[in-house]
Amino acid sequence: MLTRLRDLPLKWDYETDIVVVGYGGAGAAAAIEAHDNGAAVCILEKASVAGGSTAMSGGIIVGAGTSVQRARGITDSPEEMYKYFRAAGRGLDDPDMVKVLCENSAPNIEWLIGMGMEFKYLYVSGAEEYPEYSSVTLAKSRGHSVGGGGTFFRVLKNACDKGNIHCMYQTKLKEIVTLPEGYVVGVQVESKK
């Protein structure tokens, strides 16, 4: 933490509005949203390539009440998804966070479709078919898949590239620079480039 204002550098090596740490799926999504809302964005990625665990994943994202489900004749809702997730969480999850996840699942799918994501497959993505859960709510195909994490991430990366979002590869966050009041004013990084 910064203890005195005079410790701030007179000139930063790079200036931006938003710094996103990590260039996987979550980092790319945060960068895209910040950029689309008018911010200058810089992504820090400690690896030499983007993608993180998203690129290595199965490329499945859950959603309830989506256009993809409706096109396949599946009737579903965030409320039914919430019932399943709460039952599967066995009381260890945060009900408010589960509600946010479920209510925003369809808008997230539609946001991805708007960027060119083509969900080719729908799966029952959990244990919904087991009697202990199907007695709470009927099993639904909520797992939206493009066929793999690499394909999924490529759409996000293409959106970042299209927006000319700056990325610093092989760059590790060392410290978040804050004022005594807690305001973040910058970051210190270690870069191999």
N, C-alpha and C. Protein backbone atom coordinates (compact mmCIF):
# COMPACT_ATOMS: atom_id res chain seq x y z
N MET A 1 0.84 -1.17 0.00
CA MET A 1 0.00 0.00 0.00
C MET A 1 0.89 1.24 0.00
N LEU A 2 0.43 2.23 -0.72
CA LEU A 2 1.14 3.50 -0.80
C LEU A 2 0.89 4.27 0.49
N THR A 3 1.94 4.79 1.08
CA THR A 3 1.77 5.53 2.33
C THR A 3 1.80 7.03 2.14
N ARG A 4 2.44 7.50 1.06
CA ARG A 4 2.51 8.94 0.83
C ARG A 4 2.24 9.22 -0.64
N LEU A 5 1.51 10.29 -0.92
CA LEU A 5 1.23 10.66 -2.29
C LEU A 5 2.51 10.92 -3.08
N ARG A 6 3.53 11.43 -2.41
CA ARG A 6 4.76 11.74 -3.13
C ARG A 6 5.47 10.46 -3.61
N ASP A 7 5.04 9.29 -3.11
CA ASP A 7 5.62 8.04 -3.58
C ASP A 7 5.08 7.62 -4.95
N LEU A 8 4.02 8.27 -5.40
CA LEU A 8 3.47 7.96 -6.72
C LEU A 8 4.48 8.36 -7.79
N PRO A 9 4.59 7.56 -8.84
CA PRO A 9 5.50 7.96 -9.92
C PRO A 9 4.96 9.20 -10.63
N LEU A 10 5.86 10.03 -11.15
CA LEU A 10 5.44 11.20 -11.91
C LEU A 10 4.84 10.77 -13.24
N LYS A 11 5.35 9.69 -13.78
CA LYS A 11 4.83 9.15 -15.04
C LYS A 11 4.80 7.63 -14.94
N TRP A 12 3.67 7.06 -15.31
CA TRP A 12 3.52 5.61 -15.33
C TRP A 12 4.08 5.08 -16.65
N ASP A 13 4.53 3.83 -16.67
CA ASP A 13 5.03 3.22 -17.91
C ASP A 13 3.89 3.05 -18.93
N TYR A 14 2.69 2.80 -18.43
CA TYR A 14 1.53 2.61 -19.29
C TYR A 14 0.31 3.12 -18.53
N GLU A 15 -0.56 3.84 -19.20
CA GLU A 15 -1.76 4.36 -18.54
C GLU A 15 -3.01 3.82 -19.22
N THR A 16 -3.98 3.45 -18.40
CA THR A 16 -5.24 2.89 -18.87
C THR A 16 -6.31 3.13 -17.82
N ASP A 17 -7.56 2.93 -18.18
CA ASP A 17 -8.65 3.10 -17.21
C ASP A 17 -8.83 1.85 -16.34
N ILE A 18 -8.74 0.70 -16.99
CA ILE A 18 -9.03 -0.58 -16.32
C ILE A 18 -7.89 -1.55 -16.57
N VAL A 19 -7.45 -2.24 -15.52
CA VAL A 19 -6.48 -3.33 -15.66
C VAL A 19 -7.20 -4.62 -15.27
N VAL A 20 -7.17 -5.58 -16.18
CA VAL A 20 -7.75 -6.90 -15.94
C VAL A 20 -6.59 -7.87 -15.75
N VAL A 21 -6.63 -8.63 -14.67
CA VAL A 21 -5.55 -9.58 -14.39
C VAL A 21 -6.00 -10.98 -14.79
N GLY A 22 -5.37 -11.51 -15.83
CA GLY A 22 -5.67 -12.84 -16.33
C GLY A 22 -6.48 -12.79 -17.61
N TYR A 23 -5.99 -13.49 -18.64
CA TYR A 23 -6.64 -13.47 -19.94
C TYR A 23 -7.23 -14.83 -20.27
N GLY A 24 -8.09 -15.30 -19.37
CA GLY A 24 -8.91 -16.47 -19.63
C GLY A 24 -10.31 -16.00 -19.96
N GLY A 25 -11.28 -16.87 -19.79
CA GLY A 25 -12.66 -16.51 -20.10
C GLY A 25 -13.20 -15.36 -19.29
N ALA A 26 -12.99 -15.40 -17.97
CA ALA A 26 -13.51 -14.33 -17.11
C ALA A 26 -12.80 -13.01 -17.39
N GLY A 27 -11.48 -13.05 -17.57
CA GLY A 27 -10.74 -11.83 -17.87
C GLY A 27 -11.15 -11.22 -19.19
N ALA A 28 -11.31 -12.07 -20.21
CA ALA A 28 -11.74 -11.59 -21.52
C ALA A 28 -13.12 -10.95 -21.43
N ALA A 29 -14.05 -11.61 -20.73
CA ALA A 29 -15.40 -11.08 -20.59
C ALA A 29 -15.39 -9.72 -19.88
N ALA A 30 -14.60 -9.61 -18.80
CA ALA A 30 -14.50 -8.34 -18.08
C ALA A 30 -13.92 -7.25 -18.97
N ALA A 31 -12.90 -7.60 -19.74
CA ALA A 31 -12.26 -6.63 -20.62
C ALA A 31 -13.22 -6.16 -21.71
N ILE A 32 -13.97 -7.08 -22.29
CA ILE A 32 -14.93 -6.73 -23.35
C ILE A 32 -15.99 -5.79 -22.81
N GLU A 33 -16.56 -6.12 -21.65
CA GLU A 33 -17.60 -5.27 -21.07
C GLU A 33 -17.07 -3.89 -20.73
N ALA A 34 -15.88 -3.81 -20.13
CA ALA A 34 -15.30 -2.51 -19.80
C ALA A 34 -15.05 -1.70 -21.07
N HIS A 35 -14.49 -2.35 -22.08
CA HIS A 35 -14.23 -1.68 -23.36
C HIS A 35 -15.53 -1.19 -24.00
N ASP A 36 -16.53 -2.06 -24.03
CA ASP A 36 -17.80 -1.70 -24.66
C ASP A 36 -18.53 -0.59 -23.91
N ASN A 37 -18.14 -0.36 -22.67
CA ASN A 37 -18.72 0.74 -21.89
C ASN A 37 -17.81 1.97 -21.87
N GLY A 38 -16.85 2.00 -22.79
CA GLY A 38 -16.07 3.20 -23.00
C GLY A 38 -14.73 3.30 -22.30
N ALA A 39 -14.30 2.26 -21.59
CA ALA A 39 -13.03 2.33 -20.86
C ALA A 39 -11.88 1.86 -21.74
N ALA A 40 -10.71 2.44 -21.51
CA ALA A 40 -9.48 1.92 -22.07
C ALA A 40 -9.06 0.76 -21.17
N VAL A 41 -8.74 -0.38 -21.76
CA VAL A 41 -8.50 -1.60 -20.98
C VAL A 41 -7.14 -2.20 -21.32
N CYS A 42 -6.47 -2.71 -20.30
CA CYS A 42 -5.22 -3.46 -20.47
C CYS A 42 -5.37 -4.77 -19.71
N ILE A 43 -5.08 -5.87 -20.39
CA ILE A 43 -5.12 -7.19 -19.75
C ILE A 43 -3.69 -7.61 -19.44
N LEU A 44 -3.46 -8.08 -18.22
CA LEU A 44 -2.17 -8.64 -17.83
C LEU A 44 -2.30 -10.16 -17.86
N GLU A 45 -1.40 -10.83 -18.56
CA GLU A 45 -1.42 -12.30 -18.62
C GLU A 45 -0.01 -12.82 -18.36
N LYS A 46 0.13 -13.65 -17.33
CA LYS A 46 1.46 -14.14 -16.98
C LYS A 46 2.00 -15.18 -17.95
N ALA A 47 1.11 -15.83 -18.68
CA ALA A 47 1.55 -16.82 -19.67
C ALA A 47 1.90 -16.11 -20.99
N SER A 48 2.43 -16.87 -21.92
CA SER A 48 2.79 -16.29 -23.21
C SER A 48 1.63 -16.34 -24.20
N VAL A 49 0.53 -16.99 -23.81
CA VAL A 49 -0.66 -17.07 -24.65
C VAL A 49 -1.90 -16.84 -23.80
N ALA A 50 -2.96 -16.45 -24.44
CA ALA A 50 -4.24 -16.26 -23.75
C ALA A 50 -5.01 -17.57 -23.68
N GLY A 51 -6.03 -17.61 -22.86
CA GLY A 51 -6.93 -18.75 -22.82
C GLY A 51 -7.13 -19.35 -21.45
N GLY A 52 -6.06 -19.51 -20.70
CA GLY A 52 -6.17 -20.07 -19.35
C GLY A 52 -6.93 -21.37 -19.31
N SER A 53 -7.59 -21.61 -18.21
CA SER A 53 -8.33 -22.87 -18.04
C SER A 53 -9.57 -22.93 -18.94
N THR A 54 -10.07 -21.77 -19.37
CA THR A 54 -11.22 -21.77 -20.27
C THR A 54 -10.87 -22.49 -21.57
N ALA A 55 -9.71 -22.19 -22.13
CA ALA A 55 -9.31 -22.81 -23.39
C ALA A 55 -9.11 -24.31 -23.26
N MET A 56 -8.84 -24.78 -22.04
CA MET A 56 -8.62 -26.21 -21.81
C MET A 56 -9.88 -26.93 -21.33
N SER A 57 -10.94 -26.17 -21.12
CA SER A 57 -12.17 -26.75 -20.57
C SER A 57 -12.98 -27.47 -21.65
N GLY A 58 -14.11 -27.99 -21.23
CA GLY A 58 -15.03 -28.63 -22.17
C GLY A 58 -15.84 -27.63 -22.98
N GLY A 59 -15.74 -26.35 -22.62
CA GLY A 59 -16.46 -25.32 -23.38
C GLY A 59 -17.95 -25.33 -23.14
N ILE A 60 -18.35 -25.65 -21.92
CA ILE A 60 -19.78 -25.72 -21.58
C ILE A 60 -20.11 -24.61 -20.60
N ILE A 61 -21.21 -23.91 -20.86
CA ILE A 61 -21.72 -22.90 -19.94
C ILE A 61 -23.20 -23.19 -19.73
N VAL A 62 -23.65 -23.08 -18.49
CA VAL A 62 -25.05 -23.40 -18.20
C VAL A 62 -25.93 -22.17 -18.34
N GLY A 63 -27.15 -22.42 -18.75
CA GLY A 63 -28.12 -21.35 -18.89
C GLY A 63 -29.53 -21.91 -18.88
N ALA A 64 -30.46 -21.13 -18.37
CA ALA A 64 -31.86 -21.55 -18.31
C ALA A 64 -32.75 -20.49 -18.92
N GLY A 65 -33.65 -20.92 -19.80
CA GLY A 65 -34.56 -20.00 -20.47
C GLY A 65 -33.90 -19.30 -21.65
N THR A 66 -33.00 -20.00 -22.32
CA THR A 66 -32.24 -19.39 -23.42
C THR A 66 -32.92 -19.61 -24.77
N SER A 67 -32.50 -18.82 -25.75
CA SER A 67 -33.02 -18.98 -27.11
C SER A 67 -32.61 -20.32 -27.70
N VAL A 68 -31.45 -20.83 -27.30
CA VAL A 68 -30.98 -22.13 -27.78
C VAL A 68 -31.91 -23.23 -27.28
N GLN A 69 -32.30 -23.16 -26.02
CA GLN A 69 -33.23 -24.15 -25.48
C GLN A 69 -34.59 -24.05 -26.18
N ARG A 70 -35.08 -22.82 -26.30
CA ARG A 70 -36.39 -22.63 -26.93
C ARG A 70 -36.40 -23.16 -28.37
N ALA A 71 -35.32 -22.94 -29.11
CA ALA A 71 -35.23 -23.42 -30.49
C ALA A 71 -35.30 -24.94 -30.56
N ARG A 72 -34.96 -25.61 -29.46
CA ARG A 72 -35.01 -27.08 -29.43
C ARG A 72 -36.23 -27.59 -28.65
N GLY A 73 -37.15 -26.70 -28.36
CA GLY A 73 -38.39 -27.09 -27.70
C GLY A 73 -38.26 -27.35 -26.21
N ILE A 74 -37.21 -26.82 -25.59
CA ILE A 74 -37.00 -27.04 -24.15
C ILE A 74 -37.53 -25.83 -23.39
N THR A 75 -38.48 -26.09 -22.50
CA THR A 75 -39.02 -25.04 -21.65
C THR A 75 -38.27 -25.09 -20.32
N ASP A 76 -37.67 -23.96 -19.95
CA ASP A 76 -36.87 -23.91 -18.73
C ASP A 76 -36.94 -22.50 -18.17
N SER A 77 -36.48 -22.33 -16.94
CA SER A 77 -36.50 -21.01 -16.33
C SER A 77 -35.38 -20.89 -15.30
N PRO A 78 -34.96 -19.67 -15.00
CA PRO A 78 -33.97 -19.46 -13.95
C PRO A 78 -34.43 -20.01 -12.60
N GLU A 79 -35.73 -19.98 -12.36
CA GLU A 79 -36.27 -20.48 -11.08
C GLU A 79 -36.03 -21.98 -10.94
N GLU A 80 -36.23 -22.73 -12.04
CA GLU A 80 -36.01 -24.18 -11.99
C GLU A 80 -34.52 -24.50 -11.86
N MET A 81 -33.70 -23.72 -12.54
CA MET A 81 -32.25 -23.89 -12.41
C MET A 81 -31.82 -23.62 -10.97
N TYR A 82 -32.41 -22.59 -10.38
CA TYR A 82 -32.11 -22.24 -8.99
C TYR A 82 -32.45 -23.41 -8.06
N LYS A 83 -33.59 -24.04 -8.25
CA LYS A 83 -33.99 -25.18 -7.41
C LYS A 83 -32.94 -26.29 -7.48
N TYR A 84 -32.50 -26.59 -8.72
CA TYR A 84 -31.50 -27.65 -8.88
C TYR A 84 -30.18 -27.27 -8.21
N PHE A 85 -29.68 -26.06 -8.49
CA PHE A 85 -28.40 -25.64 -7.91
C PHE A 85 -28.44 -25.61 -6.39
N ARG A 86 -29.54 -25.18 -5.82
CA ARG A 86 -29.67 -25.15 -4.36
C ARG A 86 -29.65 -26.56 -3.80
N ALA A 87 -30.35 -27.48 -4.48
CA ALA A 87 -30.36 -28.87 -4.01
C ALA A 87 -28.96 -29.47 -4.14
N ALA A 88 -28.30 -29.21 -5.26
CA ALA A 88 -26.96 -29.76 -5.50
C ALA A 88 -25.94 -29.15 -4.54
N GLY A 89 -26.15 -27.92 -4.11
CA GLY A 89 -25.24 -27.25 -3.18
C GLY A 89 -25.36 -27.76 -1.75
N ARG A 90 -26.44 -28.48 -1.47
CA ARG A 90 -26.65 -29.11 -0.16
C ARG A 90 -26.45 -28.14 1.02
N GLY A 91 -26.87 -26.90 0.81
CA GLY A 91 -26.80 -25.91 1.89
C GLY A 91 -25.45 -25.26 2.08
N LEU A 92 -24.47 -25.61 1.24
CA LEU A 92 -23.13 -25.04 1.38
C LEU A 92 -22.92 -23.81 0.49
N ASP A 93 -23.87 -23.55 -0.40
CA ASP A 93 -23.73 -22.42 -1.31
C ASP A 93 -24.40 -21.16 -0.74
N ASP A 94 -24.15 -20.05 -1.37
CA ASP A 94 -24.76 -18.78 -0.98
C ASP A 94 -26.01 -18.58 -1.83
N PRO A 95 -27.20 -18.63 -1.23
CA PRO A 95 -28.44 -18.54 -2.01
C PRO A 95 -28.53 -17.28 -2.86
N ASP A 96 -28.04 -16.17 -2.37
CA ASP A 96 -28.10 -14.93 -3.14
C ASP A 96 -27.20 -15.01 -4.38
N MET A 97 -26.03 -15.60 -4.23
CA MET A 97 -25.13 -15.75 -5.38
C MET A 97 -25.69 -16.74 -6.39
N VAL A 98 -26.30 -17.80 -5.91
CA VAL A 98 -26.91 -18.77 -6.81
C VAL A 98 -28.04 -18.10 -7.59
N LYS A 99 -28.80 -17.25 -6.93
CA LYS A 99 -29.90 -16.53 -7.60
C LYS A 99 -29.36 -15.62 -8.69
N VAL A 100 -28.27 -14.90 -8.40
CA VAL A 100 -27.65 -14.02 -9.41
C VAL A 100 -27.17 -14.86 -10.60
N LEU A 101 -26.52 -15.98 -10.33
CA LEU A 101 -26.04 -16.86 -11.39
C LEU A 101 -27.20 -17.30 -12.28
N CYS A 102 -28.26 -17.79 -11.67
CA CYS A 102 -29.39 -18.32 -12.43
C CYS A 102 -30.11 -17.23 -13.22
N GLU A 103 -30.35 -16.10 -12.60
CA GLU A 103 -31.07 -15.01 -13.27
C GLU A 103 -30.28 -14.42 -14.43
N ASN A 104 -28.96 -14.49 -14.36
CA ASN A 104 -28.12 -13.93 -15.42
C ASN A 104 -27.64 -14.97 -16.42
N SER A 105 -28.01 -16.21 -16.23
CA SER A 105 -27.50 -17.27 -17.12
C SER A 105 -27.98 -17.09 -18.56
N ALA A 106 -29.26 -16.84 -18.77
CA ALA A 106 -29.76 -16.66 -20.15
C ALA A 106 -29.20 -15.39 -20.78
N PRO A 107 -29.18 -14.25 -20.09
CA PRO A 107 -28.55 -13.07 -20.70
C PRO A 107 -27.07 -13.30 -21.05
N ASN A 108 -26.36 -14.08 -20.25
CA ASN A 108 -24.96 -14.38 -20.56
C ASN A 108 -24.85 -15.19 -21.85
N ILE A 109 -25.72 -16.18 -22.01
CA ILE A 109 -25.73 -16.99 -23.23
C ILE A 109 -26.02 -16.09 -24.43
N GLU A 110 -27.02 -15.22 -24.31
CA GLU A 110 -27.38 -14.33 -25.42
C GLU A 110 -26.25 -13.36 -25.74
N TRP A 111 -25.52 -12.89 -24.72
CA TRP A 111 -24.38 -12.01 -24.92
C TRP A 111 -23.31 -12.72 -25.75
N LEU A 112 -23.05 -13.98 -25.41
CA LEU A 112 -22.07 -14.77 -26.15
C LEU A 112 -22.52 -15.02 -27.59
N ILE A 113 -23.80 -15.31 -27.78
CA ILE A 113 -24.34 -15.50 -29.13
C ILE A 113 -24.16 -14.23 -29.94
N GLY A 114 -24.37 -13.08 -29.30
CA GLY A 114 -24.20 -11.80 -29.97
C GLY A 114 -22.78 -11.56 -30.47
N MET A 115 -21.81 -12.24 -29.88
CA MET A 115 -20.41 -12.13 -30.31
C MET A 115 -20.04 -13.19 -31.33
N GLY A 116 -21.00 -14.05 -31.68
CA GLY A 116 -20.72 -15.07 -32.67
C GLY A 116 -20.59 -16.48 -32.14
N MET A 117 -20.86 -16.69 -30.86
CA MET A 117 -20.79 -18.03 -30.27
C MET A 117 -21.94 -18.86 -30.83
N GLU A 118 -21.63 -20.05 -31.34
CA GLU A 118 -22.65 -20.96 -31.86
C GLU A 118 -22.71 -22.20 -30.98
N PHE A 119 -23.75 -22.28 -30.19
CA PHE A 119 -23.90 -23.43 -29.29
C PHE A 119 -24.53 -24.58 -30.07
N LYS A 120 -23.70 -25.58 -30.38
CA LYS A 120 -24.14 -26.70 -31.20
C LYS A 120 -24.80 -27.81 -30.39
N TYR A 121 -24.48 -27.87 -29.11
CA TYR A 121 -24.94 -28.99 -28.29
C TYR A 121 -25.56 -28.49 -26.99
N LEU A 122 -26.55 -29.23 -26.52
CA LEU A 122 -27.15 -29.00 -25.20
C LEU A 122 -27.05 -30.30 -24.41
N TYR A 123 -26.65 -30.18 -23.15
CA TYR A 123 -26.48 -31.35 -22.30
C TYR A 123 -27.21 -31.16 -20.98
N VAL A 124 -27.64 -32.29 -20.42
CA VAL A 124 -27.96 -32.30 -19.00
C VAL A 124 -26.60 -32.30 -18.34
N SER A 125 -26.24 -31.18 -17.72
CA SER A 125 -24.84 -30.95 -17.38
C SER A 125 -24.44 -31.32 -15.96
N GLY A 126 -25.32 -31.90 -15.23
CA GLY A 126 -24.96 -32.24 -13.86
C GLY A 126 -25.62 -33.53 -13.44
N ALA A 127 -26.07 -33.56 -12.23
CA ALA A 127 -26.70 -34.76 -11.68
C ALA A 127 -28.22 -34.62 -11.66
N GLU A 128 -28.75 -33.75 -12.52
CA GLU A 128 -30.19 -33.47 -12.49
C GLU A 128 -31.06 -34.71 -12.62
N GLU A 129 -30.55 -35.74 -13.28
CA GLU A 129 -31.37 -36.93 -13.52
C GLU A 129 -31.42 -37.87 -12.32
N TYR A 130 -30.58 -37.65 -11.33
CA TYR A 130 -30.62 -38.49 -10.13
C TYR A 130 -31.90 -38.21 -9.36
N PRO A 131 -32.50 -39.25 -8.78
CA PRO A 131 -33.78 -39.08 -8.10
C PRO A 131 -33.80 -37.98 -7.03
N GLU A 132 -32.70 -37.80 -6.30
CA GLU A 132 -32.71 -36.79 -5.25
C GLU A 132 -32.86 -35.37 -5.80
N TYR A 133 -32.50 -35.18 -7.09
CA TYR A 133 -32.62 -33.85 -7.70
C TYR A 133 -33.85 -33.77 -8.60
N SER A 134 -34.14 -34.83 -9.33
CA SER A 134 -35.30 -34.79 -10.23
C SER A 134 -36.60 -34.72 -9.44
N SER A 135 -36.56 -35.07 -8.15
CA SER A 135 -37.75 -34.90 -7.32
C SER A 135 -37.94 -33.43 -6.93
N VAL A 136 -36.88 -32.63 -7.01
CA VAL A 136 -36.94 -31.20 -6.71
C VAL A 136 -37.37 -30.42 -7.94
N THR A 137 -36.78 -30.77 -9.09
CA THR A 137 -37.10 -30.13 -10.37
C THR A 137 -36.71 -31.07 -11.49
N LEU A 138 -37.44 -31.06 -12.57
CA LEU A 138 -37.16 -31.95 -13.69
C LEU A 138 -35.81 -31.63 -14.32
N ALA A 139 -35.13 -32.67 -14.79
CA ALA A 139 -33.84 -32.49 -15.46
C ALA A 139 -34.05 -31.73 -16.77
N LYS A 140 -33.20 -30.77 -17.01
CA LYS A 140 -33.25 -29.98 -18.25
C LYS A 140 -31.86 -29.90 -18.86
N SER A 141 -31.80 -29.79 -20.16
CA SER A 141 -30.53 -29.60 -20.86
C SER A 141 -30.15 -28.13 -20.74
N ARG A 142 -29.27 -27.86 -19.79
CA ARG A 142 -28.83 -26.48 -19.53
C ARG A 142 -27.38 -26.24 -19.93
N GLY A 143 -26.64 -27.30 -20.18
CA GLY A 143 -25.24 -27.16 -20.55
C GLY A 143 -25.11 -26.83 -22.02
N HIS A 144 -24.79 -25.58 -22.32
CA HIS A 144 -24.62 -25.10 -23.70
C HIS A 144 -23.16 -25.28 -24.09
N SER A 145 -22.92 -25.96 -25.21
CA SER A 145 -21.55 -26.25 -25.62
C SER A 145 -21.30 -25.87 -27.08
N VAL A 146 -20.08 -25.39 -27.32
CA VAL A 146 -19.64 -25.09 -28.68
C VAL A 146 -18.74 -26.21 -29.20
N GLY A 147 -18.47 -27.18 -28.36
CA GLY A 147 -17.65 -28.32 -28.77
C GLY A 147 -16.26 -28.33 -28.19
N GLY A 148 -15.93 -27.40 -27.34
CA GLY A 148 -14.63 -27.40 -26.70
C GLY A 148 -14.22 -26.03 -26.22
N GLY A 149 -13.35 -26.01 -25.23
CA GLY A 149 -12.93 -24.75 -24.62
C GLY A 149 -12.15 -23.85 -25.55
N GLY A 150 -11.36 -24.45 -26.45
CA GLY A 150 -10.60 -23.64 -27.40
C GLY A 150 -11.51 -22.85 -28.32
N THR A 151 -12.56 -23.49 -28.80
CA THR A 151 -13.54 -22.82 -29.65
C THR A 151 -14.27 -21.75 -28.86
N PHE A 152 -14.64 -22.06 -27.63
CA PHE A 152 -15.34 -21.11 -26.76
C PHE A 152 -14.47 -19.86 -26.55
N PHE A 153 -13.21 -20.08 -26.18
CA PHE A 153 -12.34 -18.94 -25.88
C PHE A 153 -12.03 -18.12 -27.13
N ARG A 154 -11.92 -18.78 -28.29
CA ARG A 154 -11.59 -18.07 -29.52
C ARG A 154 -12.59 -16.95 -29.80
N VAL A 155 -13.86 -17.18 -29.52
CA VAL A 155 -14.87 -16.13 -29.74
C VAL A 155 -14.60 -14.93 -28.84
N LEU A 156 -14.25 -15.19 -27.57
CA LEU A 156 -13.94 -14.09 -26.65
C LEU A 156 -12.68 -13.35 -27.09
N LYS A 157 -11.66 -14.10 -27.49
CA LYS A 157 -10.41 -13.46 -27.93
C LYS A 157 -10.65 -12.63 -29.19
N ASN A 158 -11.45 -13.15 -30.11
CA ASN A 158 -11.75 -12.39 -31.32
C ASN A 158 -12.42 -11.06 -30.99
N ALA A 159 -13.30 -11.06 -29.99
CA ALA A 159 -13.96 -9.82 -29.57
C ALA A 159 -12.94 -8.86 -28.97
N CYS A 160 -12.00 -9.38 -28.19
CA CYS A 160 -10.94 -8.52 -27.64
C CYS A 160 -10.07 -7.96 -28.76
N ASP A 161 -9.72 -8.81 -29.70
CA ASP A 161 -8.89 -8.36 -30.83
C ASP A 161 -9.62 -7.29 -31.65
N LYS A 162 -10.91 -7.53 -31.89
CA LYS A 162 -11.71 -6.58 -32.67
C LYS A 162 -11.76 -5.22 -31.97
N GLY A 163 -11.80 -5.22 -30.66
CA GLY A 163 -11.84 -3.98 -29.89
C GLY A 163 -10.46 -3.38 -29.65
N ASN A 164 -9.42 -4.03 -30.20
CA ASN A 164 -8.04 -3.56 -29.97
C ASN A 164 -7.72 -3.41 -28.49
N ILE A 165 -8.19 -4.37 -27.70
CA ILE A 165 -7.91 -4.36 -26.26
C ILE A 165 -6.46 -4.78 -26.06
N HIS A 166 -5.72 -3.95 -25.38
CA HIS A 166 -4.28 -4.17 -25.18
C HIS A 166 -4.04 -5.31 -24.18
N CYS A 167 -3.12 -6.19 -24.52
CA CYS A 167 -2.74 -7.28 -23.61
C CYS A 167 -1.23 -7.30 -23.45
N MET A 168 -0.79 -7.44 -22.22
CA MET A 168 0.63 -7.58 -21.92
C MET A 168 0.86 -9.03 -21.48
N TYR A 169 1.44 -9.83 -22.39
CA TYR A 169 1.74 -11.23 -22.11
C TYR A 169 3.02 -11.34 -21.29
N GLN A 170 3.20 -12.49 -20.68
CA GLN A 170 4.37 -12.77 -19.83
C GLN A 170 4.58 -11.64 -18.82
N THR A 171 3.46 -11.19 -18.28
CA THR A 171 3.47 -10.08 -17.32
C THR A 171 2.70 -10.49 -16.08
N LYS A 172 3.40 -10.47 -14.95
CA LYS A 172 2.83 -10.93 -13.68
C LYS A 172 2.55 -9.73 -12.78
N LEU A 173 1.37 -9.72 -12.18
CA LEU A 173 1.02 -8.68 -11.21
C LEU A 173 1.86 -8.87 -9.95
N LYS A 174 2.53 -7.81 -9.53
CA LYS A 174 3.31 -7.87 -8.29
C LYS A 174 2.58 -7.19 -7.14
N GLU A 175 2.00 -6.03 -7.43
CA GLU A 175 1.37 -5.26 -6.35
C GLU A 175 0.29 -4.34 -6.92
N ILE A 176 -0.77 -4.18 -6.16
CA ILE A 176 -1.79 -3.19 -6.48
C ILE A 176 -1.44 -1.94 -5.70
N VAL A 177 -1.30 -0.83 -6.40
CA VAL A 177 -0.90 0.44 -5.77
C VAL A 177 -2.17 1.18 -5.35
N THR A 178 -2.29 1.44 -4.05
CA THR A 178 -3.47 2.13 -3.53
C THR A 178 -3.07 3.37 -2.74
N LEU A 179 -3.99 4.30 -2.66
CA LEU A 179 -3.82 5.45 -1.78
C LEU A 179 -4.20 5.03 -0.38
N PRO A 180 -3.83 5.80 0.65
CA PRO A 180 -4.19 5.42 2.02
C PRO A 180 -5.68 5.21 2.23
N GLU A 181 -6.50 5.93 1.44
CA GLU A 181 -7.96 5.78 1.57
C GLU A 181 -8.48 4.49 0.93
N GLY A 182 -7.59 3.77 0.24
CA GLY A 182 -7.98 2.52 -0.38
C GLY A 182 -8.22 2.61 -1.88
N TYR A 183 -8.15 3.79 -2.46
CA TYR A 183 -8.37 3.94 -3.89
C TYR A 183 -7.21 3.30 -4.66
N VAL A 184 -7.55 2.50 -5.66
CA VAL A 184 -6.53 1.89 -6.51
C VAL A 184 -6.11 2.92 -7.56
N VAL A 185 -4.80 3.16 -7.67
CA VAL A 185 -4.30 4.14 -8.63
C VAL A 185 -3.36 3.51 -9.66
N GLY A 186 -2.99 2.25 -9.46
CA GLY A 186 -2.11 1.60 -10.41
C GLY A 186 -1.69 0.23 -9.96
N VAL A 187 -0.83 -0.37 -10.76
CA VAL A 187 -0.29 -1.69 -10.42
C VAL A 187 1.19 -1.72 -10.74
N GLN A 188 1.89 -2.57 -10.03
CA GLN A 188 3.28 -2.85 -10.35
C GLN A 188 3.33 -4.26 -10.92
N VAL A 189 4.05 -4.41 -12.01
CA VAL A 189 4.12 -5.70 -12.67
C VAL A 189 5.56 -6.12 -12.88
N GLU A 190 5.71 -7.38 -13.19
CA GLU A 190 7.01 -7.94 -13.56
C GLU A 190 6.80 -8.56 -14.94
N SER A 191 7.52 -8.07 -15.93
CA SER A 191 7.32 -8.52 -17.29
C SER A 191 8.58 -9.14 -17.86
N LYS A 192 8.41 -10.23 -18.60
CA LYS A 192 9.53 -10.88 -19.26
C LYS A 192 9.80 -10.27 -20.63
N LYS A 193 8.94 -9.35 -21.01
CA LYS A 193 9.11 -8.71 -22.33
C LYS A 193 9.76 -7.37 -22.18
